[in-house]
Amino acid sequence: MGNHYYERASARPSAPWSSPQHQARHPIPSTPRDFYPILAVLRKPLEMIQFILGFTLTLLFPMLVLLAPLALALHLLRPAVDFASRILDHAAPFVFPALGSAVLLGAALT
């Protein structure tokens, strides 16, 4: 009693690799456009969408990186701006007429 695997393999003659038995029944077409016709139609729009998304994200991320510290600084300075605004609200009736007369005086002197 021998090895059954080899006995069965030797009982059936193997065909050479170049024979039609070893060739694919449905050969893969040479170009993807023949194999996927709907993708051939959608190729340009899909490439355009991919380009727009890539371009937008390429511009968006650096902007976020650059603008985030500015937004944080403005957020942290908000109490100081509110305080200065309240001071200007009280001082404006006195300061702006004086500035106006100083500007008029400077214009008259030149």
N, C-alpha and C. Protein backbone atom coordinates (compact mmCIF):
# COMPACT_ATOMS: atom_id res chain seq x y z
N MET A 1 0.85 -1.16 0.00
CA MET A 1 0.00 0.00 0.00
C MET A 1 0.90 1.23 0.00
N GLY A 2 0.73 2.03 -1.01
CA GLY A 2 1.60 3.19 -1.14
C GLY A 2 0.86 4.48 -0.79
N ASN A 3 1.49 5.57 -1.13
CA ASN A 3 0.91 6.87 -0.86
C ASN A 3 -0.21 7.12 -1.88
N HIS A 4 -1.43 7.27 -1.40
CA HIS A 4 -2.57 7.40 -2.30
C HIS A 4 -2.52 8.70 -3.10
N TYR A 5 -1.94 9.73 -2.51
CA TYR A 5 -1.89 11.02 -3.22
C TYR A 5 -1.09 10.86 -4.52
N TYR A 6 0.07 10.23 -4.43
CA TYR A 6 0.92 10.08 -5.61
C TYR A 6 0.32 9.08 -6.60
N GLU A 7 -0.37 8.05 -6.08
CA GLU A 7 -1.00 7.09 -6.98
C GLU A 7 -2.08 7.76 -7.82
N ARG A 8 -2.90 8.60 -7.17
CA ARG A 8 -3.95 9.29 -7.92
C ARG A 8 -3.35 10.31 -8.88
N ALA A 9 -2.30 10.96 -8.47
CA ALA A 9 -1.69 11.97 -9.34
C ALA A 9 -1.05 11.31 -10.56
N SER A 10 -0.48 10.14 -10.38
CA SER A 10 0.16 9.49 -11.53
C SER A 10 -0.85 8.80 -12.43
N ALA A 11 -2.04 8.49 -11.92
CA ALA A 11 -3.05 7.83 -12.74
C ALA A 11 -3.61 8.78 -13.79
N ARG A 12 -3.61 10.05 -13.50
CA ARG A 12 -4.16 11.04 -14.44
C ARG A 12 -3.00 11.80 -15.06
N PRO A 13 -2.86 11.74 -16.37
CA PRO A 13 -1.75 12.50 -16.98
C PRO A 13 -2.02 14.00 -16.88
N SER A 14 -1.00 14.73 -16.53
CA SER A 14 -1.18 16.18 -16.40
C SER A 14 -0.96 16.85 -17.75
N ALA A 15 -1.76 17.84 -18.01
CA ALA A 15 -1.65 18.57 -19.27
C ALA A 15 -0.57 19.64 -19.15
N PRO A 16 0.12 19.93 -20.21
CA PRO A 16 1.12 21.01 -20.15
C PRO A 16 0.44 22.36 -19.91
N TRP A 17 1.20 23.29 -19.34
CA TRP A 17 0.63 24.59 -18.98
C TRP A 17 0.17 25.39 -20.20
N SER A 18 0.70 25.08 -21.35
CA SER A 18 0.30 25.81 -22.55
C SER A 18 -0.99 25.26 -23.16
N SER A 19 -1.53 24.17 -22.62
CA SER A 19 -2.74 23.59 -23.20
C SER A 19 -3.96 24.44 -22.86
N PRO A 20 -5.05 24.31 -23.61
CA PRO A 20 -6.26 25.10 -23.34
C PRO A 20 -6.88 24.82 -21.98
N GLN A 21 -6.58 23.66 -21.38
CA GLN A 21 -7.15 23.36 -20.06
C GLN A 21 -6.66 24.32 -18.99
N HIS A 22 -5.44 24.79 -19.14
CA HIS A 22 -4.86 25.67 -18.13
C HIS A 22 -5.08 27.15 -18.44
N GLN A 23 -5.68 27.45 -19.55
CA GLN A 23 -5.93 28.85 -19.88
C GLN A 23 -7.27 29.28 -19.31
N ALA A 24 -7.36 30.52 -18.94
CA ALA A 24 -8.60 31.03 -18.35
C ALA A 24 -9.72 31.02 -19.37
N ARG A 25 -10.91 30.67 -18.90
CA ARG A 25 -12.05 30.65 -19.81
C ARG A 25 -12.44 32.06 -20.22
N HIS A 26 -12.39 32.99 -19.25
CA HIS A 26 -12.72 34.39 -19.53
C HIS A 26 -11.48 35.22 -19.26
N PRO A 27 -10.67 35.39 -20.27
CA PRO A 27 -9.42 36.14 -20.02
C PRO A 27 -9.73 37.57 -19.59
N ILE A 28 -8.90 38.07 -18.71
CA ILE A 28 -9.07 39.45 -18.24
C ILE A 28 -8.72 40.39 -19.39
N PRO A 29 -9.59 41.34 -19.68
CA PRO A 29 -9.29 42.27 -20.78
C PRO A 29 -8.02 43.06 -20.51
N SER A 30 -7.48 43.58 -21.57
CA SER A 30 -6.19 44.26 -21.46
C SER A 30 -6.31 45.58 -20.71
N THR A 31 -7.46 46.24 -20.80
CA THR A 31 -7.62 47.54 -20.14
C THR A 31 -8.78 47.48 -19.17
N PRO A 32 -8.68 48.19 -18.06
CA PRO A 32 -9.79 48.23 -17.11
C PRO A 32 -11.05 48.87 -17.71
N ARG A 33 -10.88 49.70 -18.73
CA ARG A 33 -12.05 50.35 -19.32
C ARG A 33 -12.98 49.34 -19.97
N ASP A 34 -12.40 48.27 -20.56
CA ASP A 34 -13.24 47.23 -21.15
C ASP A 34 -13.92 46.40 -20.07
N PHE A 35 -13.23 46.22 -18.96
CA PHE A 35 -13.74 45.35 -17.90
C PHE A 35 -14.78 46.07 -17.05
N TYR A 36 -14.60 47.36 -16.81
CA TYR A 36 -15.53 48.16 -16.02
C TYR A 36 -16.04 49.32 -16.86
N PRO A 37 -17.04 49.11 -17.71
CA PRO A 37 -17.46 50.20 -18.60
C PRO A 37 -18.07 51.38 -17.85
N ILE A 38 -18.74 51.13 -16.71
CA ILE A 38 -19.35 52.25 -15.98
C ILE A 38 -18.26 53.14 -15.38
N LEU A 39 -17.13 52.53 -14.99
CA LEU A 39 -16.04 53.34 -14.45
C LEU A 39 -15.38 54.17 -15.54
N ALA A 40 -15.42 53.66 -16.76
CA ALA A 40 -14.87 54.45 -17.86
C ALA A 40 -15.69 55.70 -18.08
N VAL A 41 -17.01 55.59 -17.89
CA VAL A 41 -17.88 56.76 -18.04
C VAL A 41 -17.69 57.73 -16.88
N LEU A 42 -17.54 57.18 -15.68
CA LEU A 42 -17.44 58.03 -14.48
C LEU A 42 -16.02 58.44 -14.15
N ARG A 43 -15.06 58.05 -14.96
CA ARG A 43 -13.66 58.28 -14.61
C ARG A 43 -13.34 59.77 -14.47
N LYS A 44 -13.72 60.57 -15.46
CA LYS A 44 -13.40 62.00 -15.40
C LYS A 44 -14.10 62.69 -14.22
N PRO A 45 -15.42 62.48 -14.02
CA PRO A 45 -16.05 63.13 -12.86
C PRO A 45 -15.45 62.68 -11.53
N LEU A 46 -15.13 61.38 -11.42
CA LEU A 46 -14.54 60.90 -10.17
C LEU A 46 -13.15 61.50 -9.94
N GLU A 47 -12.36 61.61 -11.01
CA GLU A 47 -11.05 62.24 -10.86
C GLU A 47 -11.18 63.71 -10.50
N MET A 48 -12.19 64.39 -11.06
CA MET A 48 -12.39 65.80 -10.73
C MET A 48 -12.80 65.97 -9.27
N ILE A 49 -13.70 65.11 -8.80
CA ILE A 49 -14.12 65.18 -7.39
C ILE A 49 -12.93 64.89 -6.48
N GLN A 50 -12.13 63.91 -6.84
CA GLN A 50 -10.95 63.58 -6.04
C GLN A 50 -9.98 64.75 -6.00
N PHE A 51 -9.78 65.41 -7.13
CA PHE A 51 -8.87 66.54 -7.17
C PHE A 51 -9.40 67.69 -6.32
N ILE A 52 -10.70 67.98 -6.42
CA ILE A 52 -11.28 69.09 -5.65
C ILE A 52 -11.18 68.81 -4.16
N LEU A 53 -11.49 67.59 -3.74
CA LEU A 53 -11.39 67.26 -2.32
C LEU A 53 -9.95 67.34 -1.83
N GLY A 54 -9.03 66.81 -2.61
CA GLY A 54 -7.63 66.87 -2.20
C GLY A 54 -7.11 68.29 -2.13
N PHE A 55 -7.48 69.11 -3.12
CA PHE A 55 -7.04 70.50 -3.15
C PHE A 55 -7.63 71.28 -1.98
N THR A 56 -8.93 71.05 -1.69
CA THR A 56 -9.59 71.74 -0.59
C THR A 56 -8.96 71.36 0.75
N LEU A 57 -8.73 70.08 0.95
CA LEU A 57 -8.13 69.66 2.22
C LEU A 57 -6.70 70.14 2.34
N THR A 58 -5.99 70.21 1.22
CA THR A 58 -4.62 70.71 1.25
C THR A 58 -4.59 72.17 1.68
N LEU A 59 -5.57 72.95 1.27
CA LEU A 59 -5.63 74.35 1.67
C LEU A 59 -6.24 74.52 3.05
N LEU A 60 -7.18 73.65 3.43
CA LEU A 60 -7.92 73.84 4.66
C LEU A 60 -7.06 73.56 5.89
N PHE A 61 -6.30 72.49 5.89
CA PHE A 61 -5.53 72.14 7.08
C PHE A 61 -4.47 73.18 7.43
N PRO A 62 -3.68 73.69 6.49
CA PRO A 62 -2.74 74.75 6.88
C PRO A 62 -3.44 76.00 7.40
N MET A 63 -4.60 76.33 6.82
CA MET A 63 -5.33 77.50 7.32
C MET A 63 -5.77 77.29 8.76
N LEU A 64 -6.25 76.09 9.06
CA LEU A 64 -6.66 75.81 10.44
C LEU A 64 -5.46 75.90 11.38
N VAL A 65 -4.33 75.41 10.94
CA VAL A 65 -3.14 75.45 11.79
C VAL A 65 -2.69 76.89 12.02
N LEU A 66 -2.80 77.74 10.99
CA LEU A 66 -2.38 79.13 11.14
C LEU A 66 -3.40 79.98 11.88
N LEU A 67 -4.68 79.71 11.68
CA LEU A 67 -5.71 80.56 12.28
C LEU A 67 -6.10 80.14 13.69
N ALA A 68 -5.81 78.92 14.08
CA ALA A 68 -6.19 78.47 15.42
C ALA A 68 -5.51 79.29 16.52
N PRO A 69 -4.20 79.58 16.45
CA PRO A 69 -3.61 80.42 17.50
C PRO A 69 -4.18 81.83 17.52
N LEU A 70 -4.50 82.38 16.36
CA LEU A 70 -5.11 83.71 16.31
C LEU A 70 -6.48 83.71 16.97
N ALA A 71 -7.28 82.70 16.69
CA ALA A 71 -8.60 82.60 17.31
C ALA A 71 -8.47 82.42 18.81
N LEU A 72 -7.51 81.63 19.25
CA LEU A 72 -7.31 81.44 20.69
C LEU A 72 -6.87 82.74 21.35
N ALA A 73 -5.98 83.48 20.71
CA ALA A 73 -5.53 84.76 21.28
C ALA A 73 -6.68 85.75 21.38
N LEU A 74 -7.50 85.82 20.34
CA LEU A 74 -8.65 86.73 20.39
C LEU A 74 -9.64 86.31 21.47
N HIS A 75 -9.81 85.02 21.64
CA HIS A 75 -10.71 84.53 22.68
C HIS A 75 -10.18 84.88 24.07
N LEU A 76 -8.87 84.75 24.26
CA LEU A 76 -8.29 85.06 25.56
C LEU A 76 -8.24 86.55 25.82
N LEU A 77 -8.17 87.37 24.76
CA LEU A 77 -8.13 88.82 24.93
C LEU A 77 -9.52 89.44 25.07
N ARG A 78 -10.56 88.65 24.96
CA ARG A 78 -11.92 89.19 25.00
C ARG A 78 -12.21 90.00 26.28
N PRO A 79 -11.84 89.52 27.47
CA PRO A 79 -12.10 90.35 28.67
C PRO A 79 -11.37 91.69 28.63
N ALA A 80 -10.14 91.70 28.11
CA ALA A 80 -9.41 92.97 28.04
C ALA A 80 -10.08 93.92 27.05
N VAL A 81 -10.58 93.39 25.95
CA VAL A 81 -11.27 94.24 24.97
C VAL A 81 -12.56 94.78 25.56
N ASP A 82 -13.29 93.95 26.29
CA ASP A 82 -14.52 94.42 26.93
C ASP A 82 -14.22 95.52 27.95
N PHE A 83 -13.16 95.34 28.72
CA PHE A 83 -12.78 96.35 29.72
C PHE A 83 -12.40 97.67 29.04
N ALA A 84 -11.60 97.58 27.97
CA ALA A 84 -11.21 98.80 27.25
C ALA A 84 -12.43 99.45 26.62
N SER A 85 -13.37 98.67 26.17
CA SER A 85 -14.58 99.23 25.57
C SER A 85 -15.39 99.99 26.61
N ARG A 86 -15.49 99.44 27.83
CA ARG A 86 -16.24 100.15 28.88
C ARG A 86 -15.55 101.46 29.26
N ILE A 87 -14.22 101.43 29.30
CA ILE A 87 -13.49 102.67 29.61
C ILE A 87 -13.73 103.70 28.52
N LEU A 88 -13.67 103.28 27.25
CA LEU A 88 -13.90 104.22 26.15
C LEU A 88 -15.32 104.75 26.14
N ASP A 89 -16.28 103.92 26.55
CA ASP A 89 -17.66 104.40 26.62
C ASP A 89 -17.78 105.57 27.60
N HIS A 90 -17.06 105.49 28.70
CA HIS A 90 -17.12 106.58 29.69
C HIS A 90 -16.26 107.77 29.30
N ALA A 91 -15.14 107.49 28.62
CA ALA A 91 -14.21 108.58 28.31
C ALA A 91 -14.48 109.25 26.98
N ALA A 92 -15.27 108.62 26.12
CA ALA A 92 -15.48 109.16 24.77
C ALA A 92 -16.04 110.57 24.75
N PRO A 93 -17.02 110.91 25.57
CA PRO A 93 -17.53 112.30 25.50
C PRO A 93 -16.46 113.36 25.80
N PHE A 94 -15.43 112.98 26.56
CA PHE A 94 -14.39 113.95 26.89
C PHE A 94 -13.22 113.89 25.91
N VAL A 95 -12.90 112.69 25.44
CA VAL A 95 -11.70 112.50 24.62
C VAL A 95 -11.92 112.96 23.19
N PHE A 96 -13.03 112.58 22.58
CA PHE A 96 -13.19 112.85 21.16
C PHE A 96 -13.35 114.33 20.83
N PRO A 97 -14.05 115.13 21.64
CA PRO A 97 -14.04 116.57 21.32
C PRO A 97 -12.64 117.18 21.42
N ALA A 98 -11.87 116.70 22.40
CA ALA A 98 -10.51 117.21 22.53
C ALA A 98 -9.66 116.79 21.34
N LEU A 99 -9.83 115.56 20.88
CA LEU A 99 -9.09 115.11 19.70
C LEU A 99 -9.51 115.89 18.47
N GLY A 100 -10.81 116.15 18.36
CA GLY A 100 -11.30 116.90 17.21
C GLY A 100 -10.73 118.30 17.18
N SER A 101 -10.68 118.96 18.34
CA SER A 101 -10.14 120.31 18.36
C SER A 101 -8.63 120.30 18.12
N ALA A 102 -7.95 119.23 18.58
CA ALA A 102 -6.51 119.14 18.34
C ALA A 102 -6.24 118.93 16.86
N VAL A 103 -7.07 118.17 16.19
CA VAL A 103 -6.90 117.96 14.76
C VAL A 103 -7.15 119.26 14.02
N LEU A 104 -8.18 119.99 14.42
CA LEU A 104 -8.46 121.27 13.78
C LEU A 104 -7.33 122.27 14.03
N LEU A 105 -6.79 122.25 15.24
CA LEU A 105 -5.68 123.14 15.56
C LEU A 105 -4.46 122.77 14.73
N GLY A 106 -4.20 121.45 14.59
CA GLY A 106 -3.06 121.01 13.78
C GLY A 106 -3.25 121.38 12.32
N ALA A 107 -4.47 121.31 11.83
CA ALA A 107 -4.73 121.68 10.44
C ALA A 107 -4.57 123.18 10.24
N ALA A 108 -4.93 123.95 11.26
CA ALA A 108 -4.82 125.41 11.14
C ALA A 108 -3.35 125.84 11.19
N LEU A 109 -2.53 125.10 11.92
CA LEU A 109 -1.13 125.49 12.05
C LEU A 109 -0.31 125.14 10.81
N THR A 110 -0.78 124.21 10.00
CA THR A 110 0.02 123.83 8.83
C THR A 110 -0.23 124.69 7.64
